[in-house]
Amino acid sequence: MSASAPSIELHSGDLPEGLDFGDCVAIDTETLGLKPDRDRLCLVQLSAGDGSCHLVQFSEAGYDAPHLKALLNKPAITKLFHYARFDLAVLSRYLGVTCAPVYCTKIASKLVRTYTDRHGLKDLCRELLRIDLSKDQQSSDWGAAKLSREQIRYAASDVLHLHELKRKLDEMLVREGRADLASACFQFLATRVRLDLEGWANEDVFAH
């Protein structure tokens, strides 16, 4: 984390009107588990990469969220994720949106950090940014009506550093001549997510 404490705001059910995240917004989600058809969306975290974070908490009451959906549907804004495949599936399943354009730091890492098999967010932050993230709250109850301060800080930390990671990974992608390959992978994510949601999550449709 940076020396100054991040600015974190928690909202219920939707973003307030008029927020400006610039041309690239970092996004993450928290759910009750890892199966989008079973485990509901509880929280969406967003950051403009400026040290601030907005959290949108959802209950079982519904997922109307017109301001959040409008942001996610804007083609002029890049949606920045770590492991976009999961987050995009959850956002599609519960908010009915297909985000584009998309950037995934996990895919970028796998394309350029071929010297390691460690591509988690914690590993990337430690190596590229010299920042140690705590993952203590990763498996906590995100469906709770009131989130703890520890949960809120953890959720924010998952998006606060993605812009700087993207800058570092972009430099490596250009250096290794793989920027176009990364772009093609990001564009394919919408199809990959549709395959996941329609029953082909564990089957390689390109295999012999």
N, C-alpha and C. Protein backbone atom coordinates (compact mmCIF):
# COMPACT_ATOMS: atom_id res chain seq x y z
N MET A 1 0.84 -1.19 0.00
CA MET A 1 0.00 0.00 0.00
C MET A 1 0.87 1.24 0.00
N SER A 2 0.36 2.38 -0.46
CA SER A 2 1.11 3.61 -0.48
C SER A 2 1.23 4.16 0.93
N ALA A 3 2.13 5.14 1.12
CA ALA A 3 2.37 5.70 2.44
C ALA A 3 1.12 6.37 2.98
N SER A 4 0.37 7.07 2.14
CA SER A 4 -0.87 7.70 2.57
C SER A 4 -2.00 6.70 2.46
N ALA A 5 -2.94 6.79 3.43
CA ALA A 5 -4.06 5.84 3.44
C ALA A 5 -4.96 6.08 2.24
N PRO A 6 -5.43 5.02 1.60
CA PRO A 6 -6.32 5.19 0.45
C PRO A 6 -7.67 5.74 0.88
N SER A 7 -8.34 6.43 -0.04
CA SER A 7 -9.69 6.90 0.19
C SER A 7 -10.66 5.82 -0.27
N ILE A 8 -11.48 5.31 0.65
CA ILE A 8 -12.39 4.21 0.33
C ILE A 8 -13.82 4.63 0.68
N GLU A 9 -14.72 4.51 -0.28
CA GLU A 9 -16.13 4.82 -0.05
C GLU A 9 -16.98 3.60 -0.35
N LEU A 10 -17.88 3.29 0.55
CA LEU A 10 -18.78 2.14 0.41
C LEU A 10 -20.17 2.63 0.05
N HIS A 11 -20.73 2.07 -1.02
CA HIS A 11 -22.07 2.45 -1.49
C HIS A 11 -22.99 1.22 -1.47
N SER A 12 -24.26 1.46 -1.28
CA SER A 12 -25.24 0.37 -1.25
C SER A 12 -26.00 0.30 -2.55
N GLY A 13 -25.84 -0.80 -3.30
CA GLY A 13 -26.67 -1.07 -4.46
C GLY A 13 -26.27 -0.43 -5.77
N ASP A 14 -25.48 0.65 -5.74
CA ASP A 14 -25.10 1.30 -6.98
C ASP A 14 -24.05 2.38 -6.69
N LEU A 15 -23.37 2.82 -7.74
CA LEU A 15 -22.48 3.97 -7.63
C LEU A 15 -23.32 5.25 -7.58
N PRO A 16 -22.83 6.30 -6.91
CA PRO A 16 -23.52 7.59 -7.01
C PRO A 16 -23.35 8.17 -8.41
N GLU A 17 -24.24 9.05 -8.77
CA GLU A 17 -24.18 9.66 -10.10
C GLU A 17 -23.00 10.63 -10.19
N GLY A 18 -22.36 10.67 -11.37
CA GLY A 18 -21.36 11.69 -11.64
C GLY A 18 -19.93 11.34 -11.33
N LEU A 19 -19.65 10.13 -10.90
CA LEU A 19 -18.26 9.75 -10.64
C LEU A 19 -17.49 9.62 -11.96
N ASP A 20 -16.23 10.05 -11.94
CA ASP A 20 -15.39 9.98 -13.14
C ASP A 20 -14.19 9.08 -12.85
N PHE A 21 -14.10 7.95 -13.56
CA PHE A 21 -12.99 7.02 -13.39
C PHE A 21 -11.95 7.16 -14.50
N GLY A 22 -12.08 8.17 -15.33
CA GLY A 22 -11.13 8.36 -16.42
C GLY A 22 -11.34 7.35 -17.53
N ASP A 23 -10.28 7.07 -18.29
CA ASP A 23 -10.41 6.17 -19.45
C ASP A 23 -10.03 4.73 -19.14
N CYS A 24 -9.72 4.44 -17.86
CA CYS A 24 -9.38 3.06 -17.45
C CYS A 24 -9.78 2.88 -16.00
N VAL A 25 -10.68 1.94 -15.73
CA VAL A 25 -11.14 1.69 -14.37
C VAL A 25 -10.77 0.27 -13.95
N ALA A 26 -10.12 0.17 -12.79
CA ALA A 26 -9.78 -1.14 -12.22
C ALA A 26 -10.99 -1.69 -11.49
N ILE A 27 -11.28 -2.97 -11.72
CA ILE A 27 -12.50 -3.59 -11.18
C ILE A 27 -12.17 -4.96 -10.59
N ASP A 28 -12.86 -5.26 -9.49
CA ASP A 28 -12.78 -6.60 -8.91
C ASP A 28 -14.15 -6.93 -8.32
N THR A 29 -14.38 -8.18 -8.04
CA THR A 29 -15.64 -8.59 -7.43
C THR A 29 -15.38 -9.50 -6.24
N GLU A 30 -16.33 -9.50 -5.31
CA GLU A 30 -16.33 -10.48 -4.21
C GLU A 30 -17.66 -11.21 -4.26
N THR A 31 -17.59 -12.52 -4.13
CA THR A 31 -18.78 -13.36 -4.21
C THR A 31 -18.81 -14.32 -3.02
N LEU A 32 -19.86 -15.10 -2.92
CA LEU A 32 -19.96 -16.09 -1.84
C LEU A 32 -19.18 -17.37 -2.15
N GLY A 33 -18.61 -17.47 -3.33
CA GLY A 33 -17.85 -18.64 -3.72
C GLY A 33 -17.34 -18.48 -5.13
N LEU A 34 -16.93 -19.57 -5.74
CA LEU A 34 -16.29 -19.51 -7.04
C LEU A 34 -17.14 -20.05 -8.18
N LYS A 35 -18.45 -20.25 -7.92
CA LYS A 35 -19.35 -20.75 -8.96
C LYS A 35 -20.42 -19.69 -9.23
N PRO A 36 -20.31 -18.95 -10.34
CA PRO A 36 -21.25 -17.86 -10.60
C PRO A 36 -22.72 -18.27 -10.60
N ASP A 37 -23.03 -19.49 -11.03
CA ASP A 37 -24.43 -19.91 -11.06
C ASP A 37 -24.97 -20.21 -9.66
N ARG A 38 -24.06 -20.40 -8.70
CA ARG A 38 -24.49 -20.74 -7.34
C ARG A 38 -24.21 -19.62 -6.34
N ASP A 39 -23.07 -18.98 -6.49
CA ASP A 39 -22.56 -18.06 -5.47
C ASP A 39 -22.75 -16.62 -5.90
N ARG A 40 -23.62 -15.92 -5.24
CA ARG A 40 -24.05 -14.61 -5.69
C ARG A 40 -22.96 -13.53 -5.54
N LEU A 41 -23.11 -12.52 -6.37
CA LEU A 41 -22.25 -11.34 -6.32
C LEU A 41 -22.60 -10.51 -5.09
N CYS A 42 -21.57 -10.17 -4.30
CA CYS A 42 -21.80 -9.40 -3.08
C CYS A 42 -21.21 -7.98 -3.14
N LEU A 43 -20.09 -7.83 -3.86
CA LEU A 43 -19.38 -6.56 -3.84
C LEU A 43 -18.66 -6.34 -5.16
N VAL A 44 -18.68 -5.10 -5.64
CA VAL A 44 -17.87 -4.70 -6.80
C VAL A 44 -16.97 -3.54 -6.35
N GLN A 45 -15.67 -3.69 -6.60
CA GLN A 45 -14.71 -2.65 -6.23
C GLN A 45 -14.21 -1.96 -7.49
N LEU A 46 -14.05 -0.64 -7.43
CA LEU A 46 -13.60 0.12 -8.59
C LEU A 46 -12.61 1.20 -8.16
N SER A 47 -11.59 1.41 -9.00
CA SER A 47 -10.61 2.46 -8.73
C SER A 47 -10.13 3.08 -10.04
N ALA A 48 -9.89 4.39 -10.00
CA ALA A 48 -9.33 5.09 -11.15
C ALA A 48 -7.81 5.06 -11.15
N GLY A 49 -7.22 4.38 -10.16
CA GLY A 49 -5.77 4.32 -10.07
C GLY A 49 -5.16 5.54 -9.41
N ASP A 50 -5.98 6.31 -8.71
CA ASP A 50 -5.53 7.55 -8.08
C ASP A 50 -5.45 7.45 -6.56
N GLY A 51 -5.47 6.21 -6.03
CA GLY A 51 -5.42 6.04 -4.58
C GLY A 51 -6.79 6.02 -3.93
N SER A 52 -7.84 6.13 -4.73
CA SER A 52 -9.19 6.07 -4.18
C SER A 52 -9.90 4.82 -4.67
N CYS A 53 -10.90 4.38 -3.91
CA CYS A 53 -11.64 3.17 -4.28
C CYS A 53 -13.10 3.34 -3.89
N HIS A 54 -13.98 2.90 -4.77
CA HIS A 54 -15.41 2.88 -4.49
C HIS A 54 -15.88 1.44 -4.47
N LEU A 55 -16.60 1.07 -3.41
CA LEU A 55 -17.14 -0.27 -3.26
C LEU A 55 -18.65 -0.21 -3.37
N VAL A 56 -19.22 -1.11 -4.17
CA VAL A 56 -20.68 -1.20 -4.30
C VAL A 56 -21.10 -2.53 -3.70
N GLN A 57 -21.85 -2.46 -2.61
CA GLN A 57 -22.30 -3.67 -1.92
C GLN A 57 -23.71 -4.03 -2.37
N PHE A 58 -23.91 -5.32 -2.67
CA PHE A 58 -25.22 -5.81 -3.10
C PHE A 58 -25.81 -6.76 -2.06
N SER A 59 -27.12 -6.73 -1.96
CA SER A 59 -27.84 -7.71 -1.16
C SER A 59 -28.66 -8.57 -2.10
N GLU A 60 -29.38 -9.50 -1.54
CA GLU A 60 -30.23 -10.37 -2.37
C GLU A 60 -31.43 -9.61 -2.93
N ALA A 61 -31.57 -8.34 -2.55
CA ALA A 61 -32.72 -7.56 -3.01
C ALA A 61 -32.69 -7.32 -4.51
N GLY A 62 -31.49 -7.29 -5.09
CA GLY A 62 -31.44 -7.12 -6.55
C GLY A 62 -30.19 -6.42 -7.03
N TYR A 63 -30.09 -6.31 -8.35
CA TYR A 63 -28.89 -5.79 -8.99
C TYR A 63 -29.24 -4.74 -10.05
N ASP A 64 -30.08 -3.79 -9.70
CA ASP A 64 -30.48 -2.79 -10.68
C ASP A 64 -29.27 -1.93 -11.09
N ALA A 65 -28.66 -1.23 -10.17
CA ALA A 65 -27.39 -0.52 -10.34
C ALA A 65 -27.22 0.19 -11.69
N PRO A 66 -28.10 1.10 -12.07
CA PRO A 66 -28.01 1.72 -13.39
C PRO A 66 -26.71 2.50 -13.63
N HIS A 67 -26.18 3.16 -12.62
CA HIS A 67 -24.95 3.94 -12.80
C HIS A 67 -23.74 3.04 -13.00
N LEU A 68 -23.67 1.96 -12.22
CA LEU A 68 -22.58 1.00 -12.37
C LEU A 68 -22.65 0.32 -13.74
N LYS A 69 -23.84 -0.09 -14.14
CA LYS A 69 -24.01 -0.74 -15.44
C LYS A 69 -23.64 0.20 -16.59
N ALA A 70 -24.00 1.46 -16.46
CA ALA A 70 -23.67 2.42 -17.51
C ALA A 70 -22.16 2.56 -17.65
N LEU A 71 -21.45 2.59 -16.52
CA LEU A 71 -19.99 2.66 -16.54
C LEU A 71 -19.39 1.43 -17.21
N LEU A 72 -19.86 0.25 -16.84
CA LEU A 72 -19.31 -0.99 -17.37
C LEU A 72 -19.61 -1.15 -18.87
N ASN A 73 -20.65 -0.50 -19.34
CA ASN A 73 -21.03 -0.61 -20.75
C ASN A 73 -20.37 0.43 -21.65
N LYS A 74 -19.61 1.36 -21.08
CA LYS A 74 -19.00 2.42 -21.88
C LYS A 74 -17.81 1.89 -22.68
N PRO A 75 -17.87 1.92 -24.02
CA PRO A 75 -16.79 1.38 -24.84
C PRO A 75 -15.53 2.24 -24.81
N ALA A 76 -15.62 3.48 -24.34
CA ALA A 76 -14.45 4.36 -24.30
C ALA A 76 -13.60 4.14 -23.06
N ILE A 77 -14.08 3.31 -22.13
CA ILE A 77 -13.37 3.07 -20.87
C ILE A 77 -12.86 1.63 -20.84
N THR A 78 -11.56 1.47 -20.65
CA THR A 78 -10.98 0.13 -20.49
C THR A 78 -11.29 -0.39 -19.09
N LYS A 79 -11.75 -1.64 -19.02
CA LYS A 79 -12.03 -2.27 -17.74
C LYS A 79 -10.86 -3.18 -17.39
N LEU A 80 -10.20 -2.87 -16.29
CA LEU A 80 -8.94 -3.50 -15.90
C LEU A 80 -9.18 -4.48 -14.76
N PHE A 81 -8.82 -5.74 -14.97
CA PHE A 81 -9.05 -6.79 -13.98
C PHE A 81 -7.77 -7.58 -13.71
N HIS A 82 -7.79 -8.33 -12.60
CA HIS A 82 -6.83 -9.41 -12.41
C HIS A 82 -7.64 -10.69 -12.37
N TYR A 83 -7.40 -11.58 -13.31
CA TYR A 83 -8.21 -12.77 -13.58
C TYR A 83 -9.61 -12.35 -14.03
N ALA A 84 -9.65 -11.68 -15.16
CA ALA A 84 -10.89 -11.15 -15.73
C ALA A 84 -11.91 -12.24 -16.01
N ARG A 85 -11.45 -13.43 -16.33
CA ARG A 85 -12.36 -14.52 -16.71
C ARG A 85 -13.45 -14.73 -15.66
N PHE A 86 -13.08 -14.72 -14.40
CA PHE A 86 -14.06 -14.93 -13.34
C PHE A 86 -14.94 -13.70 -13.14
N ASP A 87 -14.31 -12.54 -13.01
CA ASP A 87 -15.07 -11.32 -12.75
C ASP A 87 -16.06 -11.02 -13.87
N LEU A 88 -15.65 -11.22 -15.12
CA LEU A 88 -16.54 -10.97 -16.25
C LEU A 88 -17.74 -11.91 -16.23
N ALA A 89 -17.51 -13.16 -15.84
CA ALA A 89 -18.62 -14.12 -15.75
C ALA A 89 -19.61 -13.69 -14.68
N VAL A 90 -19.11 -13.24 -13.55
CA VAL A 90 -19.98 -12.80 -12.45
C VAL A 90 -20.76 -11.55 -12.85
N LEU A 91 -20.09 -10.59 -13.47
CA LEU A 91 -20.77 -9.36 -13.89
C LEU A 91 -21.82 -9.64 -14.96
N SER A 92 -21.54 -10.59 -15.84
CA SER A 92 -22.51 -10.98 -16.85
C SER A 92 -23.71 -11.66 -16.22
N ARG A 93 -23.43 -12.56 -15.29
CA ARG A 93 -24.49 -13.36 -14.66
C ARG A 93 -25.43 -12.49 -13.81
N TYR A 94 -24.89 -11.54 -13.06
CA TYR A 94 -25.71 -10.80 -12.11
C TYR A 94 -26.11 -9.40 -12.57
N LEU A 95 -25.27 -8.75 -13.38
CA LEU A 95 -25.60 -7.40 -13.84
C LEU A 95 -26.02 -7.37 -15.30
N GLY A 96 -25.81 -8.50 -16.01
CA GLY A 96 -26.24 -8.57 -17.40
C GLY A 96 -25.42 -7.70 -18.33
N VAL A 97 -24.15 -7.46 -18.00
CA VAL A 97 -23.29 -6.62 -18.83
C VAL A 97 -22.15 -7.44 -19.42
N THR A 98 -21.72 -7.06 -20.61
CA THR A 98 -20.53 -7.63 -21.24
C THR A 98 -19.51 -6.51 -21.38
N CYS A 99 -18.51 -6.52 -20.53
CA CYS A 99 -17.53 -5.43 -20.49
C CYS A 99 -16.58 -5.49 -21.69
N ALA A 100 -16.33 -4.34 -22.27
CA ALA A 100 -15.36 -4.20 -23.35
C ALA A 100 -15.03 -2.72 -23.50
N PRO A 101 -13.76 -2.42 -23.82
CA PRO A 101 -12.61 -3.32 -23.89
C PRO A 101 -12.12 -3.74 -22.50
N VAL A 102 -11.33 -4.80 -22.47
CA VAL A 102 -10.89 -5.41 -21.22
C VAL A 102 -9.38 -5.60 -21.23
N TYR A 103 -8.78 -5.49 -20.05
CA TYR A 103 -7.36 -5.81 -19.86
C TYR A 103 -7.27 -6.70 -18.62
N CYS A 104 -6.50 -7.77 -18.71
CA CYS A 104 -6.34 -8.70 -17.58
C CYS A 104 -4.87 -8.81 -17.21
N THR A 105 -4.53 -8.40 -15.99
CA THR A 105 -3.13 -8.45 -15.56
C THR A 105 -2.64 -9.88 -15.38
N LYS A 106 -3.54 -10.82 -15.11
CA LYS A 106 -3.11 -12.21 -14.95
C LYS A 106 -2.70 -12.80 -16.30
N ILE A 107 -3.47 -12.53 -17.34
CA ILE A 107 -3.10 -13.00 -18.68
C ILE A 107 -1.79 -12.35 -19.11
N ALA A 108 -1.68 -11.04 -18.90
CA ALA A 108 -0.45 -10.34 -19.28
C ALA A 108 0.75 -10.94 -18.55
N SER A 109 0.58 -11.24 -17.27
CA SER A 109 1.66 -11.84 -16.49
C SER A 109 2.08 -13.19 -17.06
N LYS A 110 1.11 -14.01 -17.41
CA LYS A 110 1.43 -15.34 -17.94
C LYS A 110 2.14 -15.26 -19.29
N LEU A 111 1.89 -14.20 -20.03
CA LEU A 111 2.53 -14.05 -21.34
C LEU A 111 3.96 -13.53 -21.25
N VAL A 112 4.29 -12.81 -20.18
CA VAL A 112 5.65 -12.22 -20.10
C VAL A 112 6.47 -12.72 -18.92
N ARG A 113 5.84 -13.15 -17.84
CA ARG A 113 6.60 -13.65 -16.68
C ARG A 113 6.70 -15.17 -16.78
N THR A 114 7.27 -15.63 -17.88
CA THR A 114 7.37 -17.06 -18.14
C THR A 114 8.44 -17.73 -17.29
N TYR A 115 9.15 -16.94 -16.50
CA TYR A 115 10.19 -17.48 -15.61
C TYR A 115 9.61 -17.95 -14.28
N THR A 116 8.27 -17.85 -14.12
CA THR A 116 7.64 -18.25 -12.87
C THR A 116 6.25 -18.80 -13.14
N ASP A 117 5.73 -19.57 -12.20
CA ASP A 117 4.34 -20.02 -12.30
C ASP A 117 3.46 -19.30 -11.28
N ARG A 118 3.99 -18.24 -10.70
CA ARG A 118 3.27 -17.47 -9.69
C ARG A 118 2.69 -16.21 -10.33
N HIS A 119 1.39 -16.23 -10.60
CA HIS A 119 0.75 -15.13 -11.29
C HIS A 119 -0.41 -14.53 -10.50
N GLY A 120 -0.46 -14.82 -9.21
CA GLY A 120 -1.49 -14.22 -8.37
C GLY A 120 -1.23 -12.74 -8.16
N LEU A 121 -2.25 -12.01 -7.75
CA LEU A 121 -2.11 -10.57 -7.53
C LEU A 121 -1.06 -10.28 -6.47
N LYS A 122 -1.06 -11.07 -5.42
CA LYS A 122 -0.08 -10.88 -4.35
C LYS A 122 1.35 -11.04 -4.88
N ASP A 123 1.56 -12.04 -5.75
CA ASP A 123 2.89 -12.28 -6.32
C ASP A 123 3.31 -11.13 -7.23
N LEU A 124 2.38 -10.64 -8.05
CA LEU A 124 2.69 -9.54 -8.95
C LEU A 124 3.05 -8.27 -8.18
N CYS A 125 2.25 -7.96 -7.17
CA CYS A 125 2.52 -6.75 -6.39
C CYS A 125 3.86 -6.84 -5.67
N ARG A 126 4.18 -8.01 -5.17
CA ARG A 126 5.45 -8.16 -4.46
C ARG A 126 6.63 -7.98 -5.40
N GLU A 127 6.58 -8.62 -6.58
CA GLU A 127 7.73 -8.55 -7.49
C GLU A 127 7.84 -7.22 -8.23
N LEU A 128 6.72 -6.76 -8.81
CA LEU A 128 6.79 -5.60 -9.69
C LEU A 128 6.66 -4.27 -8.96
N LEU A 129 5.97 -4.26 -7.81
CA LEU A 129 5.73 -3.00 -7.10
C LEU A 129 6.38 -2.94 -5.72
N ARG A 130 6.93 -4.06 -5.26
CA ARG A 130 7.52 -4.14 -3.93
C ARG A 130 6.48 -3.82 -2.85
N ILE A 131 5.27 -4.33 -3.06
CA ILE A 131 4.16 -4.14 -2.12
C ILE A 131 3.68 -5.51 -1.66
N ASP A 132 3.51 -5.68 -0.36
CA ASP A 132 3.00 -6.93 0.18
C ASP A 132 1.52 -6.78 0.52
N LEU A 133 0.68 -7.53 -0.18
CA LEU A 133 -0.75 -7.51 0.07
C LEU A 133 -1.13 -8.59 1.08
N SER A 134 -2.05 -8.27 1.95
CA SER A 134 -2.60 -9.27 2.87
C SER A 134 -3.80 -9.94 2.21
N LYS A 135 -3.86 -11.27 2.29
CA LYS A 135 -5.00 -12.01 1.73
C LYS A 135 -5.83 -12.66 2.84
N ASP A 136 -5.72 -12.13 4.07
CA ASP A 136 -6.38 -12.75 5.22
C ASP A 136 -7.90 -12.80 5.08
N GLN A 137 -8.49 -11.81 4.39
CA GLN A 137 -9.95 -11.75 4.30
C GLN A 137 -10.51 -12.39 3.03
N GLN A 138 -9.65 -13.04 2.25
CA GLN A 138 -10.09 -13.57 0.95
C GLN A 138 -11.28 -14.51 1.06
N SER A 139 -11.29 -15.34 2.09
CA SER A 139 -12.34 -16.35 2.23
C SER A 139 -13.35 -15.99 3.31
N SER A 140 -13.52 -14.71 3.60
CA SER A 140 -14.48 -14.30 4.62
C SER A 140 -15.89 -14.23 4.03
N ASP A 141 -16.88 -13.94 4.88
CA ASP A 141 -18.28 -13.92 4.46
C ASP A 141 -18.61 -12.58 3.82
N TRP A 142 -18.60 -12.54 2.49
CA TRP A 142 -18.88 -11.30 1.77
C TRP A 142 -20.37 -11.02 1.67
N GLY A 143 -21.19 -11.96 2.10
CA GLY A 143 -22.64 -11.74 2.09
C GLY A 143 -23.15 -11.10 3.36
N ALA A 144 -22.27 -10.82 4.31
CA ALA A 144 -22.69 -10.20 5.57
C ALA A 144 -23.32 -8.83 5.31
N ALA A 145 -24.33 -8.48 6.09
CA ALA A 145 -25.01 -7.20 5.91
C ALA A 145 -24.06 -6.04 6.18
N LYS A 146 -23.16 -6.20 7.14
CA LYS A 146 -22.19 -5.15 7.47
C LYS A 146 -20.78 -5.73 7.32
N LEU A 147 -20.00 -5.16 6.43
CA LEU A 147 -18.64 -5.62 6.21
C LEU A 147 -17.71 -5.03 7.27
N SER A 148 -16.72 -5.82 7.66
CA SER A 148 -15.75 -5.34 8.65
C SER A 148 -14.77 -4.38 8.00
N ARG A 149 -14.07 -3.62 8.81
CA ARG A 149 -13.05 -2.71 8.28
C ARG A 149 -11.95 -3.48 7.57
N GLU A 150 -11.65 -4.68 8.10
CA GLU A 150 -10.63 -5.52 7.46
C GLU A 150 -11.09 -5.98 6.08
N GLN A 151 -12.35 -6.35 5.95
CA GLN A 151 -12.88 -6.74 4.64
C GLN A 151 -12.84 -5.58 3.66
N ILE A 152 -13.22 -4.41 4.10
CA ILE A 152 -13.23 -3.23 3.24
C ILE A 152 -11.83 -2.89 2.76
N ARG A 153 -10.85 -2.92 3.66
CA ARG A 153 -9.46 -2.64 3.27
C ARG A 153 -8.94 -3.69 2.30
N TYR A 154 -9.27 -4.95 2.57
CA TYR A 154 -8.83 -6.02 1.67
C TYR A 154 -9.44 -5.84 0.28
N ALA A 155 -10.73 -5.57 0.22
CA ALA A 155 -11.42 -5.41 -1.07
C ALA A 155 -10.80 -4.27 -1.87
N ALA A 156 -10.50 -3.18 -1.20
CA ALA A 156 -9.89 -2.03 -1.89
C ALA A 156 -8.51 -2.37 -2.42
N SER A 157 -7.75 -3.13 -1.65
CA SER A 157 -6.37 -3.44 -2.06
C SER A 157 -6.33 -4.24 -3.36
N ASP A 158 -7.42 -4.92 -3.70
CA ASP A 158 -7.45 -5.72 -4.92
C ASP A 158 -7.54 -4.88 -6.20
N VAL A 159 -7.87 -3.59 -6.07
CA VAL A 159 -7.94 -2.75 -7.27
C VAL A 159 -7.00 -1.54 -7.24
N LEU A 160 -6.52 -1.16 -6.08
CA LEU A 160 -5.73 0.06 -5.95
C LEU A 160 -4.42 0.03 -6.72
N HIS A 161 -3.88 -1.15 -6.99
CA HIS A 161 -2.56 -1.24 -7.62
C HIS A 161 -2.59 -1.73 -9.06
N LEU A 162 -3.79 -1.98 -9.60
CA LEU A 162 -3.87 -2.59 -10.93
C LEU A 162 -3.36 -1.67 -12.04
N HIS A 163 -3.59 -0.38 -11.91
CA HIS A 163 -3.10 0.54 -12.95
C HIS A 163 -1.58 0.52 -13.04
N GLU A 164 -0.91 0.53 -11.90
CA GLU A 164 0.55 0.51 -11.91
C GLU A 164 1.07 -0.83 -12.41
N LEU A 165 0.39 -1.91 -12.06
CA LEU A 165 0.77 -3.23 -12.58
C LEU A 165 0.61 -3.26 -14.10
N LYS A 166 -0.47 -2.69 -14.60
CA LYS A 166 -0.68 -2.64 -16.05
C LYS A 166 0.47 -1.91 -16.74
N ARG A 167 0.91 -0.80 -16.18
CA ARG A 167 2.01 -0.05 -16.78
C ARG A 167 3.29 -0.90 -16.84
N LYS A 168 3.57 -1.59 -15.75
CA LYS A 168 4.77 -2.45 -15.72
C LYS A 168 4.65 -3.60 -16.72
N LEU A 169 3.49 -4.24 -16.76
CA LEU A 169 3.29 -5.38 -17.66
C LEU A 169 3.27 -4.95 -19.12
N ASP A 170 2.72 -3.76 -19.40
CA ASP A 170 2.74 -3.26 -20.78
C ASP A 170 4.17 -3.09 -21.27
N GLU A 171 5.05 -2.58 -20.42
CA GLU A 171 6.46 -2.42 -20.79
C GLU A 171 7.08 -3.78 -21.13
N MET A 172 6.74 -4.81 -20.34
CA MET A 172 7.29 -6.14 -20.56
C MET A 172 6.71 -6.76 -21.83
N LEU A 173 5.41 -6.54 -22.07
CA LEU A 173 4.78 -7.07 -23.28
C LEU A 173 5.42 -6.48 -24.54
N VAL A 174 5.68 -5.19 -24.51
CA VAL A 174 6.34 -4.54 -25.66
C VAL A 174 7.76 -5.08 -25.80
N ARG A 175 8.46 -5.18 -24.70
CA ARG A 175 9.85 -5.67 -24.73
C ARG A 175 9.95 -7.05 -25.34
N GLU A 176 8.98 -7.92 -25.02
CA GLU A 176 9.03 -9.30 -25.50
C GLU A 176 8.26 -9.50 -26.81
N GLY A 177 7.73 -8.43 -27.37
CA GLY A 177 7.02 -8.54 -28.64
C GLY A 177 5.71 -9.30 -28.54
N ARG A 178 5.02 -9.20 -27.42
CA ARG A 178 3.79 -9.96 -27.21
C ARG A 178 2.58 -9.09 -26.93
N ALA A 179 2.68 -7.79 -27.18
CA ALA A 179 1.55 -6.91 -26.91
C ALA A 179 0.34 -7.26 -27.78
N ASP A 180 0.59 -7.62 -29.05
CA ASP A 180 -0.53 -7.97 -29.94
C ASP A 180 -1.18 -9.28 -29.52
N LEU A 181 -0.37 -10.21 -29.01
CA LEU A 181 -0.92 -11.48 -28.52
C LEU A 181 -1.79 -11.24 -27.29
N ALA A 182 -1.33 -10.38 -26.40
CA ALA A 182 -2.12 -10.05 -25.21
C ALA A 182 -3.44 -9.41 -25.62
N SER A 183 -3.40 -8.49 -26.56
CA SER A 183 -4.62 -7.83 -27.03
C SER A 183 -5.61 -8.83 -27.59
N ALA A 184 -5.12 -9.80 -28.34
CA ALA A 184 -6.00 -10.83 -28.91
C ALA A 184 -6.63 -11.67 -27.80
N CYS A 185 -5.86 -11.98 -26.77
CA CYS A 185 -6.39 -12.74 -25.63
C CYS A 185 -7.47 -11.96 -24.91
N PHE A 186 -7.24 -10.67 -24.71
CA PHE A 186 -8.23 -9.84 -24.02
C PHE A 186 -9.54 -9.79 -24.82
N GLN A 187 -9.42 -9.69 -26.15
CA GLN A 187 -10.62 -9.64 -26.98
C GLN A 187 -11.39 -10.96 -26.95
N PHE A 188 -10.67 -12.06 -26.75
CA PHE A 188 -11.32 -13.38 -26.72
C PHE A 188 -12.04 -13.64 -25.40
N LEU A 189 -11.75 -12.85 -24.38
CA LEU A 189 -12.33 -13.11 -23.06
C LEU A 189 -13.85 -13.17 -23.08
N ALA A 190 -14.50 -12.33 -23.86
CA ALA A 190 -15.96 -12.35 -23.91
C ALA A 190 -16.47 -13.72 -24.37
N THR A 191 -15.78 -14.31 -25.35
CA THR A 191 -16.16 -15.64 -25.83
C THR A 191 -15.84 -16.70 -24.79
N ARG A 192 -14.69 -16.56 -24.13
CA ARG A 192 -14.30 -17.51 -23.09
C ARG A 192 -15.33 -17.52 -21.96
N VAL A 193 -15.80 -16.34 -21.58
CA VAL A 193 -16.80 -16.23 -20.51
C VAL A 193 -18.12 -16.84 -20.95
N ARG A 194 -18.50 -16.62 -22.20
CA ARG A 194 -19.75 -17.22 -22.68
C ARG A 194 -19.65 -18.75 -22.67
N LEU A 195 -18.50 -19.28 -23.08
CA LEU A 195 -18.30 -20.73 -23.00
C LEU A 195 -18.44 -21.22 -21.56
N ASP A 196 -17.84 -20.49 -20.62
CA ASP A 196 -17.93 -20.86 -19.21
C ASP A 196 -19.38 -20.91 -18.74
N LEU A 197 -20.12 -19.86 -19.04
CA LEU A 197 -21.48 -19.75 -18.54
C LEU A 197 -22.45 -20.70 -19.22
N GLU A 198 -22.10 -21.15 -20.43
CA GLU A 198 -23.01 -22.03 -21.16
C GLU A 198 -22.61 -23.50 -21.11
N GLY A 199 -21.63 -23.84 -20.24
CA GLY A 199 -21.38 -25.25 -19.97
C GLY A 199 -20.05 -25.83 -20.43
N TRP A 200 -19.17 -25.00 -21.02
CA TRP A 200 -17.89 -25.51 -21.51
C TRP A 200 -16.71 -25.00 -20.68
N ALA A 201 -16.92 -24.78 -19.40
CA ALA A 201 -15.86 -24.23 -18.55
C ALA A 201 -14.64 -25.15 -18.47
N ASN A 202 -14.87 -26.44 -18.44
CA ASN A 202 -13.77 -27.39 -18.23
C ASN A 202 -13.43 -28.20 -19.47
N GLU A 203 -13.91 -27.76 -20.62
CA GLU A 203 -13.65 -28.50 -21.86
C GLU A 203 -12.92 -27.61 -22.85
N ASP A 204 -11.83 -28.11 -23.42
CA ASP A 204 -11.08 -27.38 -24.43
C ASP A 204 -11.70 -27.64 -25.80
N VAL A 205 -12.46 -26.69 -26.30
CA VAL A 205 -13.16 -26.90 -27.57
C VAL A 205 -12.20 -26.89 -28.75
N PHE A 206 -10.94 -26.51 -28.54
CA PHE A 206 -9.95 -26.50 -29.60
C PHE A 206 -9.14 -27.80 -29.64
N ALA A 207 -9.34 -28.65 -28.62
CA ALA A 207 -8.57 -29.90 -28.57
C ALA A 207 -9.01 -30.84 -29.69
N HIS A 208 -8.15 -31.81 -30.03
CA HIS A 208 -8.43 -32.79 -31.09
C HIS A 208 -9.66 -33.61 -30.72
